[in-house]
PDB file of N, CA and C in Angstrom:
ATOM      1  N   MET A   1      52.148 -29.864  -2.694  1.00  0.00           N
ATOM      2  CA  MET A   1      51.009 -29.914  -1.850  1.00  0.00           C
ATOM      3  C   MET A   1      50.176 -28.618  -2.060  1.00  0.00           C
ATOM      4  N   ARG A   2      50.737 -27.561  -2.163  1.00  0.00           N
ATOM      5  CA  ARG A   2      50.034 -26.286  -2.443  1.00  0.00           C
ATOM      6  C   ARG A   2      49.327 -26.294  -3.821  1.00  0.00           C
ATOM      7  N   GLU A   3      50.019 -26.978  -4.789  1.00  0.00           N
ATOM      8  CA  GLU A   3      49.439 -26.938  -6.184  1.00  0.00           C
ATOM      9  C   GLU A   3      48.281 -27.899  -6.089  1.00  0.00           C
ATOM     10  N   ASP A   4      48.355 -29.119  -5.344  1.00  0.00           N
ATOM     11  CA  ASP A   4      47.266 -30.012  -5.318  1.00  0.00           C
ATOM     12  C   ASP A   4      46.092 -29.328  -4.704  1.00  0.00           C
ATOM     13  N   HIS A   5      46.306 -28.543  -3.682  1.00  0.00           N
ATOM     14  CA  HIS A   5      45.086 -27.807  -2.981  1.00  0.00           C
ATOM     15  C   HIS A   5      44.515 -26.747  -3.938  1.00  0.00           C
ATOM     16  N   LYS A   6      45.418 -26.063  -4.685  1.00  0.00           N
ATOM     17  CA  LYS A   6      44.803 -25.062  -5.715  1.00  0.00           C
ATOM     18  C   LYS A   6      44.041 -25.783  -6.845  1.00  0.00           C
ATOM     19  N   LYS A   7      44.616 -26.829  -7.225  1.00  0.00           N
ATOM     20  CA  LYS A   7      43.911 -27.646  -8.352  1.00  0.00           C
ATOM     21  C   LYS A   7      42.520 -28.060  -7.790  1.00  0.00           C
ATOM     22  N   HIS A   8      42.499 -28.589  -6.499  1.00  0.00           N
ATOM     23  CA  HIS A   8      41.218 -29.132  -5.907  1.00  0.00           C
ATOM     24  C   HIS A   8      40.182 -27.903  -5.887  1.00  0.00           C
ATOM     25  N   ASP A   9      40.718 -26.682  -5.392  1.00  0.00           N
ATOM     26  CA  ASP A   9      39.794 -25.654  -5.350  1.00  0.00           C
ATOM     27  C   ASP A   9      39.301 -25.093  -6.642  1.00  0.00           C
ATOM     28  N   ASP A  10      40.118 -25.248  -7.684  1.00  0.00           N
ATOM     29  CA  ASP A  10      39.736 -24.897  -9.120  1.00  0.00           C
ATOM     30  C   ASP A  10      38.686 -25.888  -9.637  1.00  0.00           C
ATOM     31  N   ASP A  11      38.758 -27.083  -9.265  1.00  0.00           N
ATOM     32  CA  ASP A  11      37.752 -28.133  -9.552  1.00  0.00           C
ATOM     33  C   ASP A  11      36.490 -27.975  -8.910  1.00  0.00           C
ATOM     34  N   MET A  12      36.496 -27.395  -7.692  1.00  0.00           N
ATOM     35  CA  MET A  12      35.249 -27.084  -7.090  1.00  0.00           C
ATOM     36  C   MET A  12      34.467 -25.986  -7.533  1.00  0.00           C
ATOM     37  N   LEU A  13      35.104 -25.119  -8.348  1.00  0.00           N
ATOM     38  CA  LEU A  13      34.235 -23.975  -8.848  1.00  0.00           C
ATOM     39  C   LEU A  13      33.081 -24.391  -9.652  1.00  0.00           C
ATOM     40  N   ILE A  14      31.992 -23.676  -9.450  1.00  0.00           N
ATOM     41  CA  ILE A  14      30.748 -24.012 -10.232  1.00  0.00           C
ATOM     42  C   ILE A  14      30.506 -22.800 -11.264  1.00  0.00           C
ATOM     43  N   VAL A  15      30.371 -23.222 -12.426  1.00  0.00           N
ATOM     44  CA  VAL A  15      29.966 -22.185 -13.426  1.00  0.00           C
ATOM     45  C   VAL A  15      28.611 -22.354 -13.701  1.00  0.00           C
ATOM     46  N   HIS A  16      27.719 -21.325 -13.582  1.00  0.00           N
ATOM     47  CA  HIS A  16      26.303 -21.297 -13.804  1.00  0.00           C
ATOM     48  C   HIS A  16      26.090 -20.894 -15.232  1.00  0.00           C
ATOM     49  N   LYS A  17      25.410 -21.710 -15.864  1.00  0.00           N
ATOM     50  CA  LYS A  17      24.977 -21.348 -17.331  1.00  0.00           C
ATOM     51  C   LYS A  17      23.742 -20.517 -17.268  1.00  0.00           C
ATOM     52  N   PRO A  18      23.509 -19.634 -18.240  1.00  0.00           N
ATOM     53  CA  PRO A  18      22.258 -18.829 -18.284  1.00  0.00           C
ATOM     54  C   PRO A  18      21.132 -19.774 -18.504  1.00  0.00           C
ATOM     55  N   GLY A  19      20.019 -19.318 -17.960  1.00  0.00           N
ATOM     56  CA  GLY A  19      18.761 -20.122 -18.228  1.00  0.00           C
ATOM     57  C   GLY A  19      18.200 -20.004 -19.571  1.00  0.00           C
ATOM     58  N   PRO A  20      17.215 -20.732 -19.967  1.00  0.00           N
ATOM     59  CA  PRO A  20      16.562 -20.619 -21.226  1.00  0.00           C
ATOM     60  C   PRO A  20      15.963 -19.267 -21.377  1.00  0.00           C
ATOM     61  N   LYS A  21      15.835 -18.826 -22.682  1.00  0.00           N
ATOM     62  CA  LYS A  21      15.215 -17.607 -22.864  1.00  0.00           C
ATOM     63  C   LYS A  21      13.676 -17.789 -22.704  1.00  0.00           C
ATOM     64  N   ALA A  22      13.144 -16.707 -22.381  1.00  0.00           N
ATOM     65  CA  ALA A  22      11.580 -16.611 -22.155  1.00  0.00           C
ATOM     66  C   ALA A  22      10.897 -16.831 -23.471  1.00  0.00           C
ATOM     67  N   ASP A  23       9.823 -17.725 -23.432  1.00  0.00           N
ATOM     68  CA  ASP A  23       9.001 -17.857 -24.644  1.00  0.00           C
ATOM     69  C   ASP A  23       8.171 -16.748 -24.765  1.00  0.00           C
ATOM     70  N   PRO A  24       8.304 -16.113 -26.014  1.00  0.00           N
ATOM     71  CA  PRO A  24       7.594 -14.744 -26.400  1.00  0.00           C
ATOM     72  C   PRO A  24       6.107 -14.948 -26.130  1.00  0.00           C
ATOM     73  N   VAL A  25       5.511 -16.086 -26.487  1.00  0.00           N
ATOM     74  CA  VAL A  25       4.040 -16.194 -26.298  1.00  0.00           C
ATOM     75  C   VAL A  25       3.698 -16.142 -24.875  1.00  0.00           C
ATOM     76  N   LYS A  26       4.453 -16.796 -23.949  1.00  0.00           N
ATOM     77  CA  LYS A  26       4.129 -16.814 -22.528  1.00  0.00           C
ATOM     78  C   LYS A  26       4.475 -15.421 -22.044  1.00  0.00           C
ATOM     79  N   ALA A  27       5.472 -14.785 -22.342  1.00  0.00           N
ATOM     80  CA  ALA A  27       5.848 -13.465 -21.901  1.00  0.00           C
ATOM     81  C   ALA A  27       4.800 -12.498 -22.258  1.00  0.00           C
ATOM     82  N   GLY A  28       4.198 -12.639 -23.429  1.00  0.00           N
ATOM     83  CA  GLY A  28       3.051 -11.734 -23.756  1.00  0.00           C
ATOM     84  C   GLY A  28       1.907 -11.805 -22.889  1.00  0.00           C
ATOM     85  N   ARG A  29       1.575 -13.151 -22.577  1.00  0.00           N
ATOM     86  CA  ARG A  29       0.464 -13.475 -21.769  1.00  0.00           C
ATOM     87  C   ARG A  29       0.662 -12.933 -20.362  1.00  0.00           C
ATOM     88  N   ALA A  30       1.833 -13.060 -19.887  1.00  0.00           N
ATOM     89  CA  ALA A  30       2.164 -12.445 -18.445  1.00  0.00           C
ATOM     90  C   ALA A  30       2.034 -11.005 -18.437  1.00  0.00           C
ATOM     91  N   ALA A  31       2.506 -10.413 -19.581  1.00  0.00           N
ATOM     92  CA  ALA A  31       2.278  -8.839 -19.633  1.00  0.00           C
ATOM     93  C   ALA A  31       0.893  -8.419 -19.728  1.00  0.00           C
ATOM     94  N   ALA A  32       0.024  -9.334 -20.393  1.00  0.00           N
ATOM     95  CA  ALA A  32      -1.423  -8.934 -20.427  1.00  0.00           C
ATOM     96  C   ALA A  32      -2.137  -9.195 -19.236  1.00  0.00           C
ATOM     97  N   GLU A  33      -1.547 -10.007 -18.197  1.00  0.00           N
ATOM     98  CA  GLU A  33      -2.198 -10.230 -16.968  1.00  0.00           C
ATOM     99  C   GLU A  33      -1.852  -9.147 -15.898  1.00  0.00           C
ATOM    100  N   LEU A  34      -0.845  -8.268 -16.282  1.00  0.00           N
ATOM    101  CA  LEU A  34      -0.456  -7.245 -15.270  1.00  0.00           C
ATOM    102  C   LEU A  34      -1.573  -6.289 -15.002  1.00  0.00           C
ATOM    103  N   PRO A  35      -2.205  -5.709 -16.063  1.00  0.00           N
ATOM    104  CA  PRO A  35      -3.203  -4.671 -15.755  1.00  0.00           C
ATOM    105  C   PRO A  35      -4.335  -5.221 -14.765  1.00  0.00           C
ATOM    106  N   ARG A  36      -4.719  -6.448 -14.861  1.00  0.00           N
ATOM    107  CA  ARG A  36      -5.815  -7.011 -14.045  1.00  0.00           C
ATOM    108  C   ARG A  36      -5.177  -7.091 -12.573  1.00  0.00           C
ATOM    109  N   THR A  37      -3.937  -7.490 -12.365  1.00  0.00           N
ATOM    110  CA  THR A  37      -3.378  -7.439 -11.081  1.00  0.00           C
ATOM    111  C   THR A  37      -3.298  -6.061 -10.480  1.00  0.00           C
ATOM    112  N   ALA A  38      -3.029  -5.038 -11.278  1.00  0.00           N
ATOM    113  CA  ALA A  38      -3.010  -3.693 -10.809  1.00  0.00           C
ATOM    114  C   ALA A  38      -4.358  -3.189 -10.383  1.00  0.00           C
ATOM    115  N   SER A  39      -5.295  -3.703 -11.163  1.00  0.00           N
ATOM    116  CA  SER A  39      -6.787  -3.273 -10.785  1.00  0.00           C
ATOM    117  C   SER A  39      -7.100  -3.832  -9.450  1.00  0.00           C
ATOM    118  N   VAL A  40      -6.764  -5.056  -9.237  1.00  0.00           N
ATOM    119  CA  VAL A  40      -7.063  -5.727  -8.023  1.00  0.00           C
ATOM    120  C   VAL A  40      -6.366  -5.072  -6.831  1.00  0.00           C
ATOM    121  N   ASP A  41      -5.080  -4.675  -7.113  1.00  0.00           N
ATOM    122  CA  ASP A  41      -4.369  -4.050  -6.022  1.00  0.00           C
ATOM    123  C   ASP A  41      -4.962  -2.702  -5.693  1.00  0.00           C
ATOM    124  N   LYS A  42      -5.430  -2.062  -6.667  1.00  0.00           N
ATOM    125  CA  LYS A  42      -6.148  -0.699  -6.514  1.00  0.00           C
ATOM    126  C   LYS A  42      -7.468  -0.993  -5.694  1.00  0.00           C
ATOM    127  N   GLN A  43      -8.202  -1.891  -6.094  1.00  0.00           N
ATOM    128  CA  GLN A  43      -9.452  -2.148  -5.377  1.00  0.00           C
ATOM    129  C   GLN A  43      -9.142  -2.508  -3.808  1.00  0.00           C
ATOM    130  N   GLU A  44      -8.121  -3.334  -3.669  1.00  0.00           N
ATOM    131  CA  GLU A  44      -7.734  -3.595  -2.230  1.00  0.00           C
ATOM    132  C   GLU A  44      -7.371  -2.420  -1.532  1.00  0.00           C
ATOM    133  N   LEU A  45      -6.506  -1.566  -2.135  1.00  0.00           N
ATOM    134  CA  LEU A  45      -6.038  -0.286  -1.550  1.00  0.00           C
ATOM    135  C   LEU A  45      -7.285   0.671  -1.179  1.00  0.00           C
ATOM    136  N   ASP A  46      -8.209   0.718  -2.225  1.00  0.00           N
ATOM    137  CA  ASP A  46      -9.417   1.562  -1.895  1.00  0.00           C
ATOM    138  C   ASP A  46     -10.237   1.078  -0.775  1.00  0.00           C
ATOM    139  N   LEU A  47     -10.370  -0.324  -0.674  1.00  0.00           N
ATOM    140  CA  LEU A  47     -11.111  -0.990   0.513  1.00  0.00           C
ATOM    141  C   LEU A  47     -10.363  -0.611   1.898  1.00  0.00           C
ATOM    142  N   LEU A  48      -9.064  -0.680   1.843  1.00  0.00           N
ATOM    143  CA  LEU A  48      -8.400  -0.547   3.147  1.00  0.00           C
ATOM    144  C   LEU A  48      -8.382   0.959   3.391  1.00  0.00           C
ATOM    145  N   LYS A  49      -8.402   1.831   2.480  1.00  0.00           N
ATOM    146  CA  LYS A  49      -8.629   3.331   2.626  1.00  0.00           C
ATOM    147  C   LYS A  49     -10.034   3.556   3.282  1.00  0.00           C
ATOM    148  N   LYS A  50     -10.899   2.967   2.756  1.00  0.00           N
ATOM    149  CA  LYS A  50     -12.278   3.129   3.227  1.00  0.00           C
ATOM    150  C   LYS A  50     -12.451   2.707   4.666  1.00  0.00           C
ATOM    151  N   GLN A  51     -11.940   1.472   4.911  1.00  0.00           N
ATOM    152  CA  GLN A  51     -11.976   0.964   6.305  1.00  0.00           C
ATOM    153  C   GLN A  51     -11.368   1.891   7.212  1.00  0.00           C
ATOM    154  N   LEU A  52     -10.177   2.385   6.853  1.00  0.00           N
ATOM    155  CA  LEU A  52      -9.301   3.371   7.675  1.00  0.00           C
ATOM    156  C   LEU A  52     -10.063   4.552   7.973  1.00  0.00           C
ATOM    157  N   GLY A  53     -10.839   5.138   7.057  1.00  0.00           N
ATOM    158  CA  GLY A  53     -11.571   6.363   7.072  1.00  0.00           C
ATOM    159  C   GLY A  53     -12.725   6.101   8.085  1.00  0.00           C
ATOM    160  N   MET A  54     -13.293   4.931   8.117  1.00  0.00           N
ATOM    161  CA  MET A  54     -14.561   4.705   8.786  1.00  0.00           C
ATOM    162  C   MET A  54     -14.224   4.369  10.250  1.00  0.00           C
ATOM    163  N   THR A  55     -13.074   3.815  10.531  1.00  0.00           N
ATOM    164  CA  THR A  55     -12.789   3.332  11.982  1.00  0.00           C
ATOM    165  C   THR A  55     -12.259   4.467  12.869  1.00  0.00           C
ATOM    166  N   LYS A  56     -12.566   4.429  14.192  1.00  0.00           N
ATOM    167  CA  LYS A  56     -11.995   5.383  15.060  1.00  0.00           C
ATOM    168  C   LYS A  56     -11.051   4.753  16.130  1.00  0.00           C
ATOM    169  N   ASP A  57     -11.033   3.426  16.124  1.00  0.00           N
ATOM    170  CA  ASP A  57     -10.160   2.772  17.115  1.00  0.00           C
ATOM    171  C   ASP A  57      -8.747   2.741  16.665  1.00  0.00           C
ATOM    172  N   PRO A  58      -7.881   3.395  17.506  1.00  0.00           N
ATOM    173  CA  PRO A  58      -6.406   3.550  17.090  1.00  0.00           C
ATOM    174  C   PRO A  58      -5.739   2.185  16.786  1.00  0.00           C
ATOM    175  N   GLY A  59      -6.219   1.100  17.504  1.00  0.00           N
ATOM    176  CA  GLY A  59      -5.446  -0.207  17.259  1.00  0.00           C
ATOM    177  C   GLY A  59      -5.863  -0.787  15.901  1.00  0.00           C
ATOM    178  N   VAL A  60      -7.047  -0.633  15.498  1.00  0.00           N
ATOM    179  CA  VAL A  60      -7.554  -1.104  14.182  1.00  0.00           C
ATOM    180  C   VAL A  60      -6.851  -0.201  13.124  1.00  0.00           C
ATOM    181  N   ARG A  61      -6.886   1.154  13.391  1.00  0.00           N
ATOM    182  CA  ARG A  61      -6.245   1.985  12.378  1.00  0.00           C
ATOM    183  C   ARG A  61      -4.805   1.702  12.085  1.00  0.00           C
ATOM    184  N   ARG A  62      -4.099   1.357  13.201  1.00  0.00           N
ATOM    185  CA  ARG A  62      -2.585   0.997  13.170  1.00  0.00           C
ATOM    186  C   ARG A  62      -2.406  -0.259  12.391  1.00  0.00           C
ATOM    187  N   ASP A  63      -3.440  -1.292  12.595  1.00  0.00           N
ATOM    188  CA  ASP A  63      -3.321  -2.587  11.831  1.00  0.00           C
ATOM    189  C   ASP A  63      -3.426  -2.229  10.358  1.00  0.00           C
ATOM    190  N   LEU A  64      -4.469  -1.371  10.017  1.00  0.00           N
ATOM    191  CA  LEU A  64      -4.822  -1.186   8.655  1.00  0.00           C
ATOM    192  C   LEU A  64      -3.593  -0.441   7.911  1.00  0.00           C
ATOM    193  N   VAL A  65      -3.060   0.583   8.590  1.00  0.00           N
ATOM    194  CA  VAL A  65      -1.930   1.287   8.086  1.00  0.00           C
ATOM    195  C   VAL A  65      -0.736   0.310   7.848  1.00  0.00           C
ATOM    196  N   GLY A  66      -0.599  -0.668   8.779  1.00  0.00           N
ATOM    197  CA  GLY A  66       0.495  -1.666   8.668  1.00  0.00           C
ATOM    198  C   GLY A  66       0.256  -2.486   7.425  1.00  0.00           C
ATOM    199  N   ARG A  67      -0.976  -2.906   7.256  1.00  0.00           N
ATOM    200  CA  ARG A  67      -1.250  -3.775   6.072  1.00  0.00           C
ATOM    201  C   ARG A  67      -1.029  -3.035   4.842  1.00  0.00           C
ATOM    202  N   ILE A  68      -1.361  -1.673   4.741  1.00  0.00           N
ATOM    203  CA  ILE A  68      -1.071  -1.005   3.541  1.00  0.00           C
ATOM    204  C   ILE A  68       0.387  -0.818   3.344  1.00  0.00           C
ATOM    205  N   GLN A  69       1.134  -0.617   4.478  1.00  0.00           N
ATOM    206  CA  GLN A  69       2.509  -0.449   4.396  1.00  0.00           C
ATOM    207  C   GLN A  69       3.239  -1.762   3.924  1.00  0.00           C
ATOM    208  N   SER A  70       2.753  -2.929   4.487  1.00  0.00           N
ATOM    209  CA  SER A  70       3.453  -4.077   4.113  1.00  0.00           C
ATOM    210  C   SER A  70       3.208  -4.431   2.567  1.00  0.00           C
ATOM    211  N   LYS A  71       1.914  -4.226   2.133  1.00  0.00           N
ATOM    212  CA  LYS A  71       1.544  -4.603   0.788  1.00  0.00           C
ATOM    213  C   LYS A  71       2.003  -3.699  -0.248  1.00  0.00           C
ATOM    214  N   PHE A  72       1.854  -2.356  -0.009  1.00  0.00           N
ATOM    215  CA  PHE A  72       2.044  -1.352  -0.956  1.00  0.00           C
ATOM    216  C   PHE A  72       3.387  -0.496  -0.810  1.00  0.00           C
ATOM    217  N   GLY A  73       3.949  -0.537   0.459  1.00  0.00           N
ATOM    218  CA  GLY A  73       5.166   0.218   0.773  1.00  0.00           C
ATOM    219  C   GLY A  73       4.946   1.357   1.583  1.00  0.00           C
ATOM    220  N   ASN A  74       6.007   2.043   2.036  1.00  0.00           N
ATOM    221  CA  ASN A  74       5.877   3.160   2.930  1.00  0.00           C
ATOM    222  C   ASN A  74       5.345   4.491   2.255  1.00  0.00           C
ATOM    223  N   ASP A  75       5.847   4.538   0.895  1.00  0.00           N
ATOM    224  CA  ASP A  75       5.305   5.868   0.247  1.00  0.00           C
ATOM    225  C   ASP A  75       3.812   5.857   0.114  1.00  0.00           C
ATOM    226  N   LYS A  76       3.146   4.625  -0.208  1.00  0.00           N
ATOM    227  CA  LYS A  76       1.713   4.653  -0.351  1.00  0.00           C
ATOM    228  C   LYS A  76       1.158   4.799   0.963  1.00  0.00           C
ATOM    229  N   ALA A  77       1.588   4.222   2.020  1.00  0.00           N
ATOM    230  CA  ALA A  77       1.037   4.309   3.394  1.00  0.00           C
ATOM    231  C   ALA A  77       1.076   5.687   3.834  1.00  0.00           C
ATOM    232  N   THR A  78       2.228   6.471   3.487  1.00  0.00           N
ATOM    233  CA  THR A  78       2.278   7.892   3.920  1.00  0.00           C
ATOM    234  C   THR A  78       1.281   8.659   3.182  1.00  0.00           C
ATOM    235  N   GLU A  79       1.168   8.431   1.863  1.00  0.00           N
ATOM    236  CA  GLU A  79       0.176   9.143   0.965  1.00  0.00           C
ATOM    237  C   GLU A  79      -1.323   8.970   1.557  1.00  0.00           C
ATOM    238  N   VAL A  80      -1.718   7.682   1.901  1.00  0.00           N
ATOM    239  CA  VAL A  80      -3.052   7.444   2.446  1.00  0.00           C
ATOM    240  C   VAL A  80      -3.260   8.142   3.663  1.00  0.00           C
ATOM    241  N   VAL A  81      -2.216   8.182   4.739  1.00  0.00           N
ATOM    242  CA  VAL A  81      -2.279   8.934   5.906  1.00  0.00           C
ATOM    243  C   VAL A  81      -2.539  10.353   5.698  1.00  0.00           C
ATOM    244  N   ARG A  82      -1.721  10.957   4.882  1.00  0.00           N
ATOM    245  CA  ARG A  82      -1.901  12.354   4.508  1.00  0.00           C
ATOM    246  C   ARG A  82      -3.183  12.648   3.958  1.00  0.00           C
ATOM    247  N   GLU A  83      -3.717  11.835   2.934  1.00  0.00           N
ATOM    248  CA  GLU A  83      -4.981  11.998   2.360  1.00  0.00           C
ATOM    249  C   GLU A  83      -6.172  12.069   3.217  1.00  0.00           C
ATOM    250  N   LEU A  84      -6.033  11.127   4.332  1.00  0.00           N
ATOM    251  CA  LEU A  84      -7.097  11.002   5.324  1.00  0.00           C
ATOM    252  C   LEU A  84      -7.049  12.271   6.239  1.00  0.00           C
ATOM    253  N   ARG A  85      -5.810  12.769   6.560  1.00  0.00           N
ATOM    254  CA  ARG A  85      -5.805  13.882   7.382  1.00  0.00           C
ATOM    255  C   ARG A  85      -6.299  15.135   6.768  1.00  0.00           C
ATOM    256  N   LEU A  86      -6.179  15.221   5.436  1.00  0.00           N
ATOM    257  CA  LEU A  86      -6.684  16.437   4.687  1.00  0.00           C
ATOM    258  C   LEU A  86      -8.056  16.321   4.443  1.00  0.00           C
ATOM    259  N   LYS A  87      -8.643  15.190   4.496  1.00  0.00           N
ATOM    260  CA  LYS A  87     -10.077  14.895   4.040  1.00  0.00           C
ATOM    261  C   LYS A  87     -10.976  15.617   4.986  1.00  0.00           C
ATOM    262  N   THR A  88     -12.004  16.251   4.450  1.00  0.00           N
ATOM    263  CA  THR A  88     -12.962  17.046   5.299  1.00  0.00           C
ATOM    264  C   THR A  88     -13.835  16.021   6.046  1.00  0.00           C
ATOM    265  N   PRO A  89     -14.414  16.523   7.223  1.00  0.00           N
ATOM    266  CA  PRO A  89     -15.182  15.448   7.952  1.00  0.00           C
ATOM    267  C   PRO A  89     -16.517  15.163   7.166  1.00  0.00           C
ATOM    268  N   ASP A  90     -16.925  13.928   7.584  1.00  0.00           N
ATOM    269  CA  ASP A  90     -18.174  13.396   6.876  1.00  0.00           C
ATOM    270  C   ASP A  90     -19.366  14.430   7.077  1.00  0.00           C
ATOM    271  N   ASP A  91     -20.302  14.438   6.143  1.00  0.00           N
ATOM    272  CA  ASP A  91     -21.446  15.207   6.358  1.00  0.00           C
ATOM    273  C   ASP A  91     -22.426  14.707   7.333  1.00  0.00           C
ATOM    274  N   ASP A  92     -22.338  13.388   7.561  1.00  0.00           N
ATOM    275  CA  ASP A  92     -23.251  12.886   8.520  1.00  0.00           C
ATOM    276  C   ASP A  92     -23.033  13.170   9.977  1.00  0.00           C
ATOM    277  N   VAL A  93     -21.864  13.803  10.292  1.00  0.00           N
ATOM    278  CA  VAL A  93     -21.366  14.220  11.564  1.00  0.00           C
ATOM    279  C   VAL A  93     -22.202  15.499  11.851  1.00  0.00           C
ATOM    280  N   GLN A  94     -22.901  15.576  12.947  1.00  0.00           N
ATOM    281  CA  GLN A  94     -23.660  16.734  13.247  1.00  0.00           C
ATOM    282  C   GLN A  94     -22.762  17.815  14.056  1.00  0.00           C
ATOM    283  N   HIS A  95     -22.548  18.913  13.556  1.00  0.00           N
ATOM    284  CA  HIS A  95     -21.796  19.946  14.286  1.00  0.00           C
ATOM    285  C   HIS A  95     -22.754  20.848  14.903  1.00  0.00           C
ATOM    286  N   PRO A  96     -22.441  21.308  16.189  1.00  0.00           N
ATOM    287  CA  PRO A  96     -23.480  22.184  16.843  1.00  0.00           C
ATOM    288  C   PRO A  96     -23.509  23.501  15.974  1.00  0.00           C
ATOM    289  N   LYS A  97     -24.678  24.107  15.846  1.00  0.00           N
ATOM    290  CA  LYS A  97     -24.961  25.212  15.165  1.00  0.00           C
ATOM    291  C   LYS A  97     -24.796  26.499  16.137  1.00  0.00           C
ATOM    292  N   LYS A  98     -24.143  27.450  15.749  1.00  0.00           N
ATOM    293  CA  LYS A  98     -23.988  28.739  16.563  1.00  0.00           C
ATOM    294  C   LYS A  98     -25.273  29.511  16.569  1.00  0.00           C
ATOM    295  N   PRO A  99     -25.679  30.105  17.513  1.00  0.00           N
ATOM    296  CA  PRO A  99     -26.814  31.032  17.560  1.00  0.00           C
ATOM    297  C   PRO A  99     -26.602  32.265  16.733  1.00  0.00           C
ATOM    298  N   PRO A 100     -27.587  33.008  16.154  1.00  0.00           N
ATOM    299  CA  PRO A 100     -27.396  34.125  15.357  1.00  0.00           C
ATOM    300  C   PRO A 100     -26.536  35.197  16.118  1.00  0.00           C
ATOM    301  N   ALA A 101     -26.012  35.980  15.373  1.00  0.00           N
ATOM    302  CA  ALA A 101     -25.059  37.023  15.967  1.00  0.00           C
ATOM    303  C   ALA A 101     -25.821  37.979  16.898  1.00  0.00           C
ATOM    304  N   GLY A 102     -27.135  38.335  16.571  1.00  0.00           N
ATOM    305  CA  GLY A 102     -27.813  39.169  17.520  1.00  0.00           C
ATOM    306  C   GLY A 102     -28.164  38.794  18.844  1.00  0.00           C
ATOM    307  N   GLY A 103     -28.093  37.504  19.158  1.00  0.00           N
ATOM    308  CA  GLY A 103     -28.352  37.051  20.404  1.00  0.00           C
ATOM    309  C   GLY A 103     -29.757  36.531  20.402  1.00  0.00           C
ATOM    310  N   SER A 104     -30.123  35.924  21.500  1.00  0.00           N
ATOM    311  CA  SER A 104     -31.556  35.381  21.662  1.00  0.00           C
ATOM    312  C   SER A 104     -32.453  36.255  22.648  1.00  0.00           C
ATOM    313  N   LYS A 105     -31.932  37.366  23.002  1.00  0.00           N
ATOM    314  CA  LYS A 105     -32.767  38.262  23.967  1.00  0.00           C
ATOM    315  C   LYS A 105     -33.796  38.796  23.240  1.00  0.00           C
ATOM    316  N   GLY A 106     -34.991  38.690  23.850  1.00  0.00           N
ATOM    317  CA  GLY A 106     -36.310  39.191  23.210  1.00  0.00           C
ATOM    318  C   GLY A 106     -36.467  40.554  23.660  1.00  0.00           C
ATOM    319  N   LYS A 107     -37.220  41.393  22.843  1.00  0.00           N
ATOM    320  CA  LYS A 107     -37.609  42.723  23.091  1.00  0.00           C
ATOM    321  C   LYS A 107     -38.858  42.656  23.868  1.00  0.00           C
ATOM    322  N   ALA A 108     -39.017  43.341  24.872  1.00  0.00           N
ATOM    323  CA  ALA A 108     -40.360  43.386  25.667  1.00  0.00           C
ATOM    324  C   ALA A 108     -41.263  44.413  25.220  1.00  0.00           C
TER     325      ALA A 108
END
C-alpha cells in the first residue's frame, strides 16, 4: 500500500521544461525601446515634482508623494521631498523689506 502511494506521488510530479530562448532580433528591439521608456518616466517624475512644488494643500501634496512613491519607489520619493525642502522660495513670493538701519526718524 505504501509503495502504491509513493508511486502515485512520483507520477504526480511535474517537471517544467525551460522556455524557448529569446529571439535576438526581438531582444534587440526591446532593448532599444528602454531609453524611450526611461525618458517618459523622467518626464512624468518632473511633472509630479513641479505639481508638488506648486501646491500648498497638504492632502494634494500627500497624494502626489504617494504617486511618486508607488511609481518610482521609496528612495526616489525621499529624494524628491528632500529636494523640495532644500529648494529656495520662489522669486514671485514678496517678502517684507526691512527699513534701513538708521531708522525713519527725521531731523528737524
